[in-house]
């Protein structure tokens, strides 16, 4: 029999497994992840899981998850205020005023 904690962990692991699939130089959003993992999840729940992703092994490229408009809404959960942007720019994604330039070009839709 599963416990509530095991169910929570399994759901969070589904989020992390999907985020690990996002290719370098691409991003997706919280809602897309929620829709794709096939559980009754909301974008807020995905955001909550991403906030704790720094402790996950293997690593989760949390910097590749943004809001539905391409805004770096999760940046305050990184070690420094600019780390999320720095990581995305290192992958060739341009950011202006905390928003991805040409968001549609960089958007990754899982299959």
PDB file of N, CA and C in Angstrom:
ATOM      1  N   UNK A   1       0.839  -1.172   0.000  1.00  0.00           N
ATOM      2  CA  UNK A   1       0.000   0.000   0.000  1.00  0.00           C
ATOM      3  C   UNK A   1       0.893   1.248   0.000  1.00  0.00           C
ATOM      4  N   UNK A   2       0.566   2.221  -0.835  1.00  0.00           N
ATOM      5  CA  UNK A   2       1.350   3.463  -0.901  1.00  0.00           C
ATOM      6  C   UNK A   2       0.920   4.420   0.187  1.00  0.00           C
ATOM      7  N   UNK A   3       1.875   5.162   0.666  1.00  0.00           N
ATOM      8  CA  UNK A   3       1.553   6.212   1.623  1.00  0.00           C
ATOM      9  C   UNK A   3       1.403   7.525   0.876  1.00  0.00           C
ATOM     10  N   UNK A   4       0.887   8.525   1.544  1.00  0.00           N
ATOM     11  CA  UNK A   4       0.742   9.844   0.926  1.00  0.00           C
ATOM     12  C   UNK A   4       2.106  10.374   0.509  1.00  0.00           C
ATOM     13  N   UNK A   5       3.118  10.184   1.335  1.00  0.00           N
ATOM     14  CA  UNK A   5       4.454  10.659   0.995  1.00  0.00           C
ATOM     15  C   UNK A   5       4.996   9.989  -0.256  1.00  0.00           C
ATOM     16  N   UNK A   6       4.774   8.686  -0.396  1.00  0.00           N
ATOM     17  CA  UNK A   6       5.229   7.988  -1.593  1.00  0.00           C
ATOM     18  C   UNK A   6       4.518   8.505  -2.833  1.00  0.00           C
ATOM     19  N   UNK A   7       3.226   8.753  -2.725  1.00  0.00           N
ATOM     20  CA  UNK A   7       2.479   9.293  -3.862  1.00  0.00           C
ATOM     21  C   UNK A   7       3.000  10.667  -4.227  1.00  0.00           C
ATOM     22  N   UNK A   8       3.262  11.503  -3.231  1.00  0.00           N
ATOM     23  CA  UNK A   8       3.789  12.840  -3.484  1.00  0.00           C
ATOM     24  C   UNK A   8       5.143  12.762  -4.165  1.00  0.00           C
ATOM     25  N   UNK A   9       5.991  11.881  -3.663  1.00  0.00           N
ATOM     26  CA  UNK A   9       7.322  11.728  -4.239  1.00  0.00           C
ATOM     27  C   UNK A   9       7.222  11.241  -5.680  1.00  0.00           C
ATOM     28  N   UNK A  10       6.349  10.286  -5.943  1.00  0.00           N
ATOM     29  CA  UNK A  10       6.185   9.779  -7.298  1.00  0.00           C
ATOM     30  C   UNK A  10       5.730  10.884  -8.246  1.00  0.00           C
ATOM     31  N   UNK A  11       4.811  11.719  -7.817  1.00  0.00           N
ATOM     32  CA  UNK A  11       4.319  12.814  -8.642  1.00  0.00           C
ATOM     33  C   UNK A  11       5.449  13.808  -8.915  1.00  0.00           C
ATOM     34  N   UNK A  12       6.179  14.150  -7.898  1.00  0.00           N
ATOM     35  CA  UNK A  12       7.289  15.095  -8.053  1.00  0.00           C
ATOM     36  C   UNK A  12       8.351  14.503  -8.969  1.00  0.00           C
ATOM     37  N   UNK A  13       8.620  13.222  -8.834  1.00  0.00           N
ATOM     38  CA  UNK A  13       9.606  12.579  -9.712  1.00  0.00           C
ATOM     39  C   UNK A  13       9.167  12.611 -11.173  1.00  0.00           C
ATOM     40  N   UNK A  14       7.855  12.534 -11.434  1.00  0.00           N
ATOM     41  CA  UNK A  14       7.357  12.663 -12.807  1.00  0.00           C
ATOM     42  C   UNK A  14       7.673  14.057 -13.352  1.00  0.00           C
ATOM     43  N   UNK A  15       7.489  15.070 -12.507  1.00  0.00           N
ATOM     44  CA  UNK A  15       7.815  16.443 -12.914  1.00  0.00           C
ATOM     45  C   UNK A  15       9.301  16.526 -13.232  1.00  0.00           C
ATOM     46  N   UNK A  16      10.134  16.052 -12.325  1.00  0.00           N
ATOM     47  CA  UNK A  16      11.583  16.139 -12.513  1.00  0.00           C
ATOM     48  C   UNK A  16      12.039  15.356 -13.742  1.00  0.00           C
ATOM     49  N   UNK A  17      11.461  14.176 -13.961  1.00  0.00           N
ATOM     50  CA  UNK A  17      11.839  13.372 -15.122  1.00  0.00           C
ATOM     51  C   UNK A  17      11.519  14.118 -16.413  1.00  0.00           C
ATOM     52  N   UNK A  18      10.402  14.797 -16.447  1.00  0.00           N
ATOM     53  CA  UNK A  18      10.057  15.549 -17.649  1.00  0.00           C
ATOM     54  C   UNK A  18      10.996  16.729 -17.847  1.00  0.00           C
ATOM     55  N   UNK A  19      11.288  17.451 -16.779  1.00  0.00           N
ATOM     56  CA  UNK A  19      12.176  18.617 -16.886  1.00  0.00           C
ATOM     57  C   UNK A  19      13.570  18.183 -17.340  1.00  0.00           C
ATOM     58  N   UNK A  20      14.008  17.015 -16.922  1.00  0.00           N
ATOM     59  CA  UNK A  20      15.311  16.505 -17.361  1.00  0.00           C
ATOM     60  C   UNK A  20      15.352  16.225 -18.867  1.00  0.00           C
ATOM     61  N   UNK A  21      14.193  16.112 -19.498  1.00  0.00           N
ATOM     62  CA  UNK A  21      14.126  15.866 -20.943  1.00  0.00           C
ATOM     63  C   UNK A  21      14.210  17.147 -21.775  1.00  0.00           C
ATOM     64  N   UNK A  22      14.045  18.289 -21.161  1.00  0.00           N
ATOM     65  CA  UNK A  22      14.067  19.541 -21.916  1.00  0.00           C
ATOM     66  C   UNK A  22      15.465  19.735 -22.494  1.00  0.00           C
ATOM     67  N   UNK A  23      15.556  19.861 -23.810  1.00  0.00           N
ATOM     68  CA  UNK A  23      16.882  20.005 -24.422  1.00  0.00           C
ATOM     69  C   UNK A  23      17.562  21.327 -24.061  1.00  0.00           C
ATOM     70  N   UNK A  24      18.863  21.308 -24.098  1.00  0.00           N
ATOM     71  CA  UNK A  24      19.669  22.511 -23.899  1.00  0.00           C
ATOM     72  C   UNK A  24      19.225  23.557 -24.922  1.00  0.00           C
ATOM     73  N   UNK A  25      19.045  24.804 -24.481  1.00  0.00           N
ATOM     74  CA  UNK A  25      18.629  25.879 -25.372  1.00  0.00           C
ATOM     75  C   UNK A  25      17.130  25.944 -25.595  1.00  0.00           C
ATOM     76  N   UNK A  26      16.380  25.135 -24.864  1.00  0.00           N
ATOM     77  CA  UNK A  26      14.916  25.130 -24.949  1.00  0.00           C
ATOM     78  C   UNK A  26      14.335  25.342 -23.562  1.00  0.00           C
ATOM     79  N   UNK A  27      13.092  25.776 -23.524  1.00  0.00           N
ATOM     80  CA  UNK A  27      12.369  25.973 -22.264  1.00  0.00           C
ATOM     81  C   UNK A  27      10.947  25.465 -22.434  1.00  0.00           C
ATOM     82  N   UNK A  28      10.297  25.214 -21.320  1.00  0.00           N
ATOM     83  CA  UNK A  28       8.872  24.925 -21.329  1.00  0.00           C
ATOM     84  C   UNK A  28       8.251  25.652 -20.151  1.00  0.00           C
ATOM     85  N   UNK A  29       6.944  25.499 -19.995  1.00  0.00           N
ATOM     86  CA  UNK A  29       6.297  26.221 -18.894  1.00  0.00           C
ATOM     87  C   UNK A  29       5.626  25.254 -17.916  1.00  0.00           C
ATOM     88  N   UNK A  30       5.243  25.806 -16.789  1.00  0.00           N
ATOM     89  CA  UNK A  30       4.662  25.020 -15.711  1.00  0.00           C
ATOM     90  C   UNK A  30       3.391  24.292 -16.159  1.00  0.00           C
ATOM     91  N   UNK A  31       2.527  24.970 -16.899  1.00  0.00           N
ATOM     92  CA  UNK A  31       1.274  24.387 -17.345  1.00  0.00           C
ATOM     93  C   UNK A  31       1.471  23.235 -18.304  1.00  0.00           C
ATOM     94  N   UNK A  32       2.437  23.352 -19.194  1.00  0.00           N
ATOM     95  CA  UNK A  32       2.735  22.273 -20.139  1.00  0.00           C
ATOM     96  C   UNK A  32       3.173  21.026 -19.389  1.00  0.00           C
ATOM     97  N   UNK A  33       3.995  21.214 -18.376  1.00  0.00           N
ATOM     98  CA  UNK A  33       4.435  20.074 -17.562  1.00  0.00           C
ATOM     99  C   UNK A  33       3.238  19.448 -16.862  1.00  0.00           C
ATOM    100  N   UNK A  34       2.396  20.268 -16.251  1.00  0.00           N
ATOM    101  CA  UNK A  34       1.218  19.765 -15.542  1.00  0.00           C
ATOM    102  C   UNK A  34       0.320  18.970 -16.488  1.00  0.00           C
ATOM    103  N   UNK A  35       0.093  19.493 -17.682  1.00  0.00           N
ATOM    104  CA  UNK A  35      -0.755  18.798 -18.661  1.00  0.00           C
ATOM    105  C   UNK A  35      -0.133  17.484 -19.111  1.00  0.00           C
ATOM    106  N   UNK A  36       1.166  17.474 -19.284  1.00  0.00           N
ATOM    107  CA  UNK A  36       1.838  16.320 -19.870  1.00  0.00           C
ATOM    108  C   UNK A  36       2.019  15.142 -18.913  1.00  0.00           C
ATOM    109  N   UNK A  37       2.211  15.391 -17.646  1.00  0.00           N
ATOM    110  CA  UNK A  37       2.532  14.271 -16.749  1.00  0.00           C
ATOM    111  C   UNK A  37       1.324  13.407 -16.414  1.00  0.00           C
ATOM    112  N   UNK A  38       0.138  13.858 -16.787  1.00  0.00           N
ATOM    113  CA  UNK A  38      -1.026  12.997 -16.675  1.00  0.00           C
ATOM    114  C   UNK A  38      -1.597  12.803 -15.289  1.00  0.00           C
ATOM    115  N   UNK A  39      -1.346  13.708 -14.412  1.00  0.00           N
ATOM    116  CA  UNK A  39      -1.988  13.668 -13.100  1.00  0.00           C
ATOM    117  C   UNK A  39      -2.781  14.953 -12.930  1.00  0.00           C
ATOM    118  N   UNK A  40      -3.615  14.976 -11.944  1.00  0.00           N
ATOM    119  CA  UNK A  40      -4.397  16.187 -11.697  1.00  0.00           C
ATOM    120  C   UNK A  40      -3.493  17.223 -11.037  1.00  0.00           C
ATOM    121  N   UNK A  41      -2.702  17.844 -11.862  1.00  0.00           N
ATOM    122  CA  UNK A  41      -1.733  18.823 -11.381  1.00  0.00           C
ATOM    123  C   UNK A  41      -2.084  20.185 -11.946  1.00  0.00           C
ATOM    124  N   UNK A  42      -1.640  21.196 -11.258  1.00  0.00           N
ATOM    125  CA  UNK A  42      -1.791  22.548 -11.758  1.00  0.00           C
ATOM    126  C   UNK A  42      -0.408  23.140 -11.947  1.00  0.00           C
ATOM    127  N   UNK A  43      -0.348  24.228 -12.684  1.00  0.00           N
ATOM    128  CA  UNK A  43       0.943  24.875 -12.878  1.00  0.00           C
ATOM    129  C   UNK A  43       1.533  25.321 -11.540  1.00  0.00           C
ATOM    130  N   UNK A  44       0.702  25.700 -10.599  1.00  0.00           N
ATOM    131  CA  UNK A  44       1.213  26.090  -9.270  1.00  0.00           C
ATOM    132  C   UNK A  44       1.871  24.913  -8.560  1.00  0.00           C
ATOM    133  N   UNK A  45       1.286  23.740  -8.697  1.00  0.00           N
ATOM    134  CA  UNK A  45       1.872  22.551  -8.076  1.00  0.00           C
ATOM    135  C   UNK A  45       3.213  22.228  -8.707  1.00  0.00           C
ATOM    136  N   UNK A  46       3.319  22.379 -10.022  1.00  0.00           N
ATOM    137  CA  UNK A  46       4.592  22.162 -10.701  1.00  0.00           C
ATOM    138  C   UNK A  46       5.619  23.179 -10.202  1.00  0.00           C
ATOM    139  N   UNK A  47       5.202  24.418 -10.047  1.00  0.00           N
ATOM    140  CA  UNK A  47       6.091  25.448  -9.503  1.00  0.00           C
ATOM    141  C   UNK A  47       6.589  25.084  -8.114  1.00  0.00           C
ATOM    142  N   UNK A  48       5.707  24.556  -7.292  1.00  0.00           N
ATOM    143  CA  UNK A  48       6.089  24.131  -5.953  1.00  0.00           C
ATOM    144  C   UNK A  48       7.146  23.039  -6.031  1.00  0.00           C
ATOM    145  N   UNK A  49       6.929  22.075  -6.933  1.00  0.00           N
ATOM    146  CA  UNK A  49       7.914  20.996  -7.087  1.00  0.00           C
ATOM    147  C   UNK A  49       9.251  21.552  -7.580  1.00  0.00           C
ATOM    148  N   UNK A  50       9.200  22.500  -8.502  1.00  0.00           N
ATOM    149  CA  UNK A  50      10.436  23.072  -9.030  1.00  0.00           C
ATOM    150  C   UNK A  50      11.202  23.833  -7.953  1.00  0.00           C
ATOM    151  N   UNK A  51      10.499  24.449  -7.033  1.00  0.00           N
ATOM    152  CA  UNK A  51      11.168  25.188  -5.954  1.00  0.00           C
ATOM    153  C   UNK A  51      12.056  24.292  -5.109  1.00  0.00           C
ATOM    154  N   UNK A  52      11.722  23.018  -5.038  1.00  0.00           N
ATOM    155  CA  UNK A  52      12.497  22.067  -4.237  1.00  0.00           C
ATOM    156  C   UNK A  52      13.470  21.250  -5.083  1.00  0.00           C
ATOM    157  N   UNK A  53      13.547  21.518  -6.366  1.00  0.00           N
ATOM    158  CA  UNK A  53      14.334  20.680  -7.274  1.00  0.00           C
ATOM    159  C   UNK A  53      15.841  20.766  -7.060  1.00  0.00           C
ATOM    160  N   UNK A  54      16.308  21.791  -6.376  1.00  0.00           N
ATOM    161  CA  UNK A  54      17.750  21.945  -6.158  1.00  0.00           C
ATOM    162  C   UNK A  54      18.347  20.768  -5.383  1.00  0.00           C
ATOM    163  N   UNK A  55      17.508  20.056  -4.644  1.00  0.00           N
ATOM    164  CA  UNK A  55      18.002  18.934  -3.841  1.00  0.00           C
ATOM    165  C   UNK A  55      17.897  17.592  -4.568  1.00  0.00           C
ATOM    166  N   UNK A  56      17.351  17.589  -5.769  1.00  0.00           N
ATOM    167  CA  UNK A  56      17.125  16.335  -6.493  1.00  0.00           C
ATOM    168  C   UNK A  56      18.404  15.784  -7.113  1.00  0.00           C
ATOM    169  N   UNK A  57      18.459  14.448  -7.164  1.00  0.00           N
ATOM    170  CA  UNK A  57      19.548  13.748  -7.834  1.00  0.00           C
ATOM    171  C   UNK A  57      18.927  12.711  -8.752  1.00  0.00           C
ATOM    172  N   UNK A  58      19.324  12.661 -10.022  1.00  0.00           N
ATOM    173  CA  UNK A  58      20.250  13.579 -10.684  1.00  0.00           C
ATOM    174  C   UNK A  58      19.682  14.984 -10.791  1.00  0.00           C
ATOM    175  N   UNK A  59      20.555  15.904 -11.164  1.00  0.00           N
ATOM    176  CA  UNK A  59      20.191  17.311 -11.221  1.00  0.00           C
ATOM    177  C   UNK A  59      18.992  17.553 -12.143  1.00  0.00           C
ATOM    178  N   UNK A  60      18.232  18.582 -11.804  1.00  0.00           N
ATOM    179  CA  UNK A  60      17.070  18.999 -12.586  1.00  0.00           C
ATOM    180  C   UNK A  60      17.384  20.377 -13.161  1.00  0.00           C
ATOM    181  N   UNK A  61      17.324  20.549 -14.484  1.00  0.00           N
ATOM    182  CA  UNK A  61      17.597  21.858 -15.077  1.00  0.00           C
ATOM    183  C   UNK A  61      16.410  22.815 -14.905  1.00  0.00           C
ATOM    184  N   UNK A  62      16.167  23.198 -13.676  1.00  0.00           N
ATOM    185  CA  UNK A  62      15.003  24.016 -13.332  1.00  0.00           C
ATOM    186  C   UNK A  62      14.991  25.359 -14.056  1.00  0.00           C
ATOM    187  N   UNK A  63      16.144  25.829 -14.476  1.00  0.00           N
ATOM    188  CA  UNK A  63      16.210  27.115 -15.174  1.00  0.00           C
ATOM    189  C   UNK A  63      15.473  27.081 -16.505  1.00  0.00           C
ATOM    190  N   UNK A  64      15.157  25.899 -17.004  1.00  0.00           N
ATOM    191  CA  UNK A  64      14.470  25.756 -18.291  1.00  0.00           C
ATOM    192  C   UNK A  64      12.945  25.763 -18.157  1.00  0.00           C
ATOM    193  N   UNK A  65      12.441  26.049 -16.958  1.00  0.00           N
ATOM    194  CA  UNK A  65      10.997  26.115 -16.742  1.00  0.00           C
ATOM    195  C   UNK A  65      10.625  27.551 -16.380  1.00  0.00           C
ATOM    196  N   UNK A  66       9.754  28.122 -17.195  1.00  0.00           N
ATOM    197  CA  UNK A  66       9.345  29.523 -17.046  1.00  0.00           C
ATOM    198  C   UNK A  66       7.817  29.595 -17.049  1.00  0.00           C
ATOM    199  N   UNK A  67       7.279  30.805 -16.905  1.00  0.00           N
ATOM    200  CA  UNK A  67       5.820  30.891 -16.931  1.00  0.00           C
ATOM    201  C   UNK A  67       5.297  30.876 -18.360  1.00  0.00           C
ATOM    202  N   UNK A  68       3.999  30.918 -18.523  1.00  0.00           N
ATOM    203  CA  UNK A  68       3.376  30.760 -19.848  1.00  0.00           C
ATOM    204  C   UNK A  68       3.709  31.868 -20.829  1.00  0.00           C
ATOM    205  N   UNK A  69       4.256  32.973 -20.325  1.00  0.00           N
ATOM    206  CA  UNK A  69       4.648  34.085 -21.186  1.00  0.00           C
ATOM    207  C   UNK A  69       6.150  34.173 -21.397  1.00  0.00           C
ATOM    208  N   UNK A  70       6.890  33.215 -20.861  1.00  0.00           N
ATOM    209  CA  UNK A  70       8.338  33.228 -21.004  1.00  0.00           C
ATOM    210  C   UNK A  70       9.053  34.087 -19.983  1.00  0.00           C
ATOM    211  N   UNK A  71       8.380  34.406 -18.892  1.00  0.00           N
ATOM    212  CA  UNK A  71       8.967  35.233 -17.834  1.00  0.00           C
ATOM    213  C   UNK A  71       9.645  34.329 -16.804  1.00  0.00           C
ATOM    214  N   UNK A  72      10.781  34.770 -16.311  1.00  0.00           N
ATOM    215  CA  UNK A  72      11.572  34.004 -15.337  1.00  0.00           C
ATOM    216  C   UNK A  72      11.000  34.171 -13.933  1.00  0.00           C
ATOM    217  N   UNK A  73       9.803  33.697 -13.723  1.00  0.00           N
ATOM    218  CA  UNK A  73       9.118  33.894 -12.440  1.00  0.00           C
ATOM    219  C   UNK A  73       9.762  33.113 -11.300  1.00  0.00           C
ATOM    220  N   UNK A  74      10.506  32.061 -11.601  1.00  0.00           N
ATOM    221  CA  UNK A  74      11.131  31.265 -10.552  1.00  0.00           C
ATOM    222  C   UNK A  74      12.530  31.718 -10.181  1.00  0.00           C
ATOM    223  N   UNK A  75      12.989  32.822 -10.725  1.00  0.00           N
ATOM    224  CA  UNK A  75      14.382  33.225 -10.540  1.00  0.00           C
ATOM    225  C   UNK A  75      14.773  33.461  -9.089  1.00  0.00           C
ATOM    226  N   UNK A  76      13.825  33.852  -8.261  1.00  0.00           N
ATOM    227  CA  UNK A  76      14.155  34.122  -6.862  1.00  0.00           C
ATOM    228  C   UNK A  76      14.416  32.846  -6.055  1.00  0.00           C
ATOM    229  N   UNK A  77      14.218  31.676  -6.655  1.00  0.00           N
ATOM    230  CA  UNK A  77      14.503  30.416  -5.976  1.00  0.00           C
ATOM    231  C   UNK A  77      15.899  29.887  -6.294  1.00  0.00           C
ATOM    232  N   UNK A  78      16.663  30.634  -7.076  1.00  0.00           N
ATOM    233  CA  UNK A  78      18.025  30.231  -7.413  1.00  0.00           C
ATOM    234  C   UNK A  78      19.002  30.880  -6.430  1.00  0.00           C
ATOM    235  N   UNK A  79      20.220  30.383  -6.419  1.00  0.00           N
ATOM    236  CA  UNK A  79      21.230  30.812  -5.444  1.00  0.00           C
ATOM    237  C   UNK A  79      21.522  32.317  -5.511  1.00  0.00           C
ATOM    238  N   UNK A  80      21.449  32.889  -6.704  1.00  0.00           N
ATOM    239  CA  UNK A  80      21.648  34.333  -6.856  1.00  0.00           C
ATOM    240  C   UNK A  80      20.510  34.881  -7.716  1.00  0.00           C
ATOM    241  N   UNK A  81      20.247  36.174  -7.639  1.00  0.00           N
ATOM    242  CA  UNK A  81      19.142  36.753  -8.412  1.00  0.00           C
ATOM    243  C   UNK A  81      19.299  36.645  -9.927  1.00  0.00           C
ATOM    244  N   UNK A  82      20.522  36.430 -10.409  1.00  0.00           N
ATOM    245  CA  UNK A  82      20.734  36.375 -11.862  1.00  0.00           C
ATOM    246  C   UNK A  82      21.091  34.980 -12.373  1.00  0.00           C
ATOM    247  N   UNK A  83      21.163  33.990 -11.495  1.00  0.00           N
ATOM    248  CA  UNK A  83      21.623  32.664 -11.909  1.00  0.00           C
ATOM    249  C   UNK A  83      20.730  32.031 -12.972  1.00  0.00           C
ATOM    250  N   UNK A  84      19.427  32.120 -12.825  1.00  0.00           N
ATOM    251  CA  UNK A  84      18.528  31.531 -13.825  1.00  0.00           C
ATOM    252  C   UNK A  84      18.790  32.144 -15.197  1.00  0.00           C
ATOM    253  N   UNK A  85      18.872  33.453 -15.241  1.00  0.00           N
ATOM    254  CA  UNK A  85      19.148  34.138 -16.505  1.00  0.00           C
ATOM    255  C   UNK A  85      20.519  33.762 -17.039  1.00  0.00           C
ATOM    256  N   UNK A  86      21.510  33.727 -16.175  1.00  0.00           N
ATOM    257  CA  UNK A  86      22.869  33.366 -16.599  1.00  0.00           C
ATOM    258  C   UNK A  86      22.907  31.971 -17.235  1.00  0.00           C
ATOM    259  N   UNK A  87      22.207  31.019 -16.630  1.00  0.00           N
ATOM    260  CA  UNK A  87      22.184  29.657 -17.152  1.00  0.00           C
ATOM    261  C   UNK A  87      21.495  29.591 -18.519  1.00  0.00           C
ATOM    262  N   UNK A  88      20.390  30.306 -18.669  1.00  0.00           N
ATOM    263  CA  UNK A  88      19.687  30.328 -19.955  1.00  0.00           C
ATOM    264  C   UNK A  88      20.523  31.014 -21.033  1.00  0.00           C
ATOM    265  N   UNK A  89      21.164  32.109 -20.684  1.00  0.00           N
ATOM    266  CA  UNK A  89      21.999  32.816 -21.655  1.00  0.00           C
ATOM    267  C   UNK A  89      23.194  31.963 -22.075  1.00  0.00           C
ATOM    268  N   UNK A  90      23.716  31.163 -21.161  1.00  0.00           N
ATOM    269  CA  UNK A  90      24.822  30.262 -21.502  1.00  0.00           C
ATOM    270  C   UNK A  90      24.380  29.196 -22.513  1.00  0.00           C
ATOM    271  N   UNK A  91      23.067  28.979 -22.608  1.00  0.00           N
ATOM    272  CA  UNK A  91      22.518  28.023 -23.574  1.00  0.00           C
ATOM    273  C   UNK A  91      22.041  28.722 -24.848  1.00  0.00           C
ATOM    274  N   UNK A  92      22.321  30.016 -24.967  1.00  0.00           N
ATOM    275  CA  UNK A  92      21.984  30.746 -26.183  1.00  0.00           C
ATOM    276  C   UNK A  92      20.626  31.413 -26.189  1.00  0.00           C
ATOM    277  N   UNK A  93      19.985  31.508 -25.052  1.00  0.00           N
ATOM    278  CA  UNK A  93      18.671  32.144 -24.963  1.00  0.00           C
ATOM    279  C   UNK A  93      18.847  33.578 -24.477  1.00  0.00           C
ATOM    280  N   UNK A  94      18.320  34.517 -25.230  1.00  0.00           N
ATOM    281  CA  UNK A  94      18.428  35.931 -24.860  1.00  0.00           C
ATOM    282  C   UNK A  94      17.271  36.304 -23.928  1.00  0.00           C
ATOM    283  N   UNK A  95      17.615  37.058 -22.879  1.00  0.00           N
ATOM    284  CA  UNK A  95      16.643  37.509 -21.881  1.00  0.00           C
ATOM    285  C   UNK A  95      16.696  39.033 -21.822  1.00  0.00           C
ATOM    286  N   UNK A  96      15.538  39.653 -21.852  1.00  0.00           N
ATOM    287  CA  UNK A  96      15.444  41.101 -21.640  1.00  0.00           C
ATOM    288  C   UNK A  96      14.344  41.338 -20.613  1.00  0.00           C
ATOM    289  N   UNK A  97      14.680  42.083 -19.573  1.00  0.00           N
ATOM    290  CA  UNK A  97      13.719  42.392 -18.503  1.00  0.00           C
ATOM    291  C   UNK A  97      13.034  41.138 -17.959  1.00  0.00           C
ATOM    292  N   UNK A  98      13.841  40.118 -17.662  1.00  0.00           N
ATOM    293  CA  UNK A  98      13.363  38.855 -17.078  1.00  0.00           C
ATOM    294  C   UNK A  98      12.421  38.076 -17.990  1.00  0.00           C
ATOM    295  N   UNK A  99      12.454  38.332 -19.295  1.00  0.00           N
ATOM    296  CA  UNK A  99      11.580  37.632 -20.236  1.00  0.00           C
ATOM    297  C   UNK A  99      12.396  37.108 -21.408  1.00  0.00           C
ATOM    298  N   UNK A 100      12.079  35.889 -21.839  1.00  0.00           N
ATOM    299  CA  UNK A 100      12.772  35.262 -22.956  1.00  0.00           C
ATOM    300  C   UNK A 100      12.395  35.958 -24.256  1.00  0.00           C
ATOM    301  N   UNK A 101      13.409  36.362 -25.003  1.00  0.00           N
ATOM    302  CA  UNK A 101      13.203  36.962 -26.317  1.00  0.00           C
ATOM    303  C   UNK A 101      12.889  35.828 -27.291  1.00  0.00           C
ATOM    304  N   UNK A 102      11.863  36.011 -28.095  1.00  0.00           N
ATOM    305  CA  UNK A 102      11.424  35.007 -29.073  1.00  0.00           C
ATOM    306  C   UNK A 102      11.091  33.690 -28.369  1.00  0.00           C
ATOM    307  N   UNK A 103      10.235  33.793 -27.390  1.00  0.00           N
ATOM    308  CA  UNK A 103       9.836  32.660 -26.561  1.00  0.00           C
ATOM    309  C   UNK A 103       9.359  31.468 -27.392  1.00  0.00           C
ATOM    310  N   UNK A 104       8.551  31.705 -28.403  1.00  0.00           N
ATOM    311  CA  UNK A 104       8.019  30.599 -29.214  1.00  0.00           C
ATOM    312  C   UNK A 104       9.135  29.798 -29.890  1.00  0.00           C
ATOM    313  N   UNK A 105      10.193  30.479 -30.286  1.00  0.00           N
ATOM    314  CA  UNK A 105      11.322  29.807 -30.927  1.00  0.00           C
ATOM    315  C   UNK A 105      12.019  28.830 -29.968  1.00  0.00           C
ATOM    316  N   UNK A 106      12.081  29.193 -28.716  1.00  0.00           N
ATOM    317  CA  UNK A 106      12.789  28.383 -27.711  1.00  0.00           C
ATOM    318  C   UNK A 106      11.892  27.415 -26.962  1.00  0.00           C
ATOM    319  N   UNK A 107      10.583  27.497 -27.197  1.00  0.00           N
ATOM    320  CA  UNK A 107       9.631  26.670 -26.449  1.00  0.00           C
ATOM    321  C   UNK A 107       9.742  25.199 -26.843  1.00  0.00           C
ATOM    322  N   UNK A 108       9.778  24.333 -25.851  1.00  0.00           N
ATOM    323  CA  UNK A 108       9.826  22.886 -26.058  1.00  0.00           C
ATOM    324  C   UNK A 108       8.497  22.276 -25.650  1.00  0.00           C
ATOM    325  N   UNK A 109       7.890  21.578 -26.583  1.00  0.00           N
ATOM    326  CA  UNK A 109       6.633  20.871 -26.339  1.00  0.00           C
ATOM    327  C   UNK A 109       6.958  19.385 -26.305  1.00  0.00           C
ATOM    328  N   UNK A 110       6.719  18.719 -25.200  1.00  0.00           N
ATOM    329  CA  UNK A 110       7.015  17.279 -25.144  1.00  0.00           C
ATOM    330  C   UNK A 110       6.129  16.498 -26.109  1.00  0.00           C
ATOM    331  N   UNK A 111       6.642  15.372 -26.572  1.00  0.00           N
ATOM    332  CA  UNK A 111       5.852  14.546 -27.507  1.00  0.00           C
ATOM    333  C   UNK A 111       4.940  13.602 -26.764  1.00  0.00           C
TER     334      UNK A 111
END
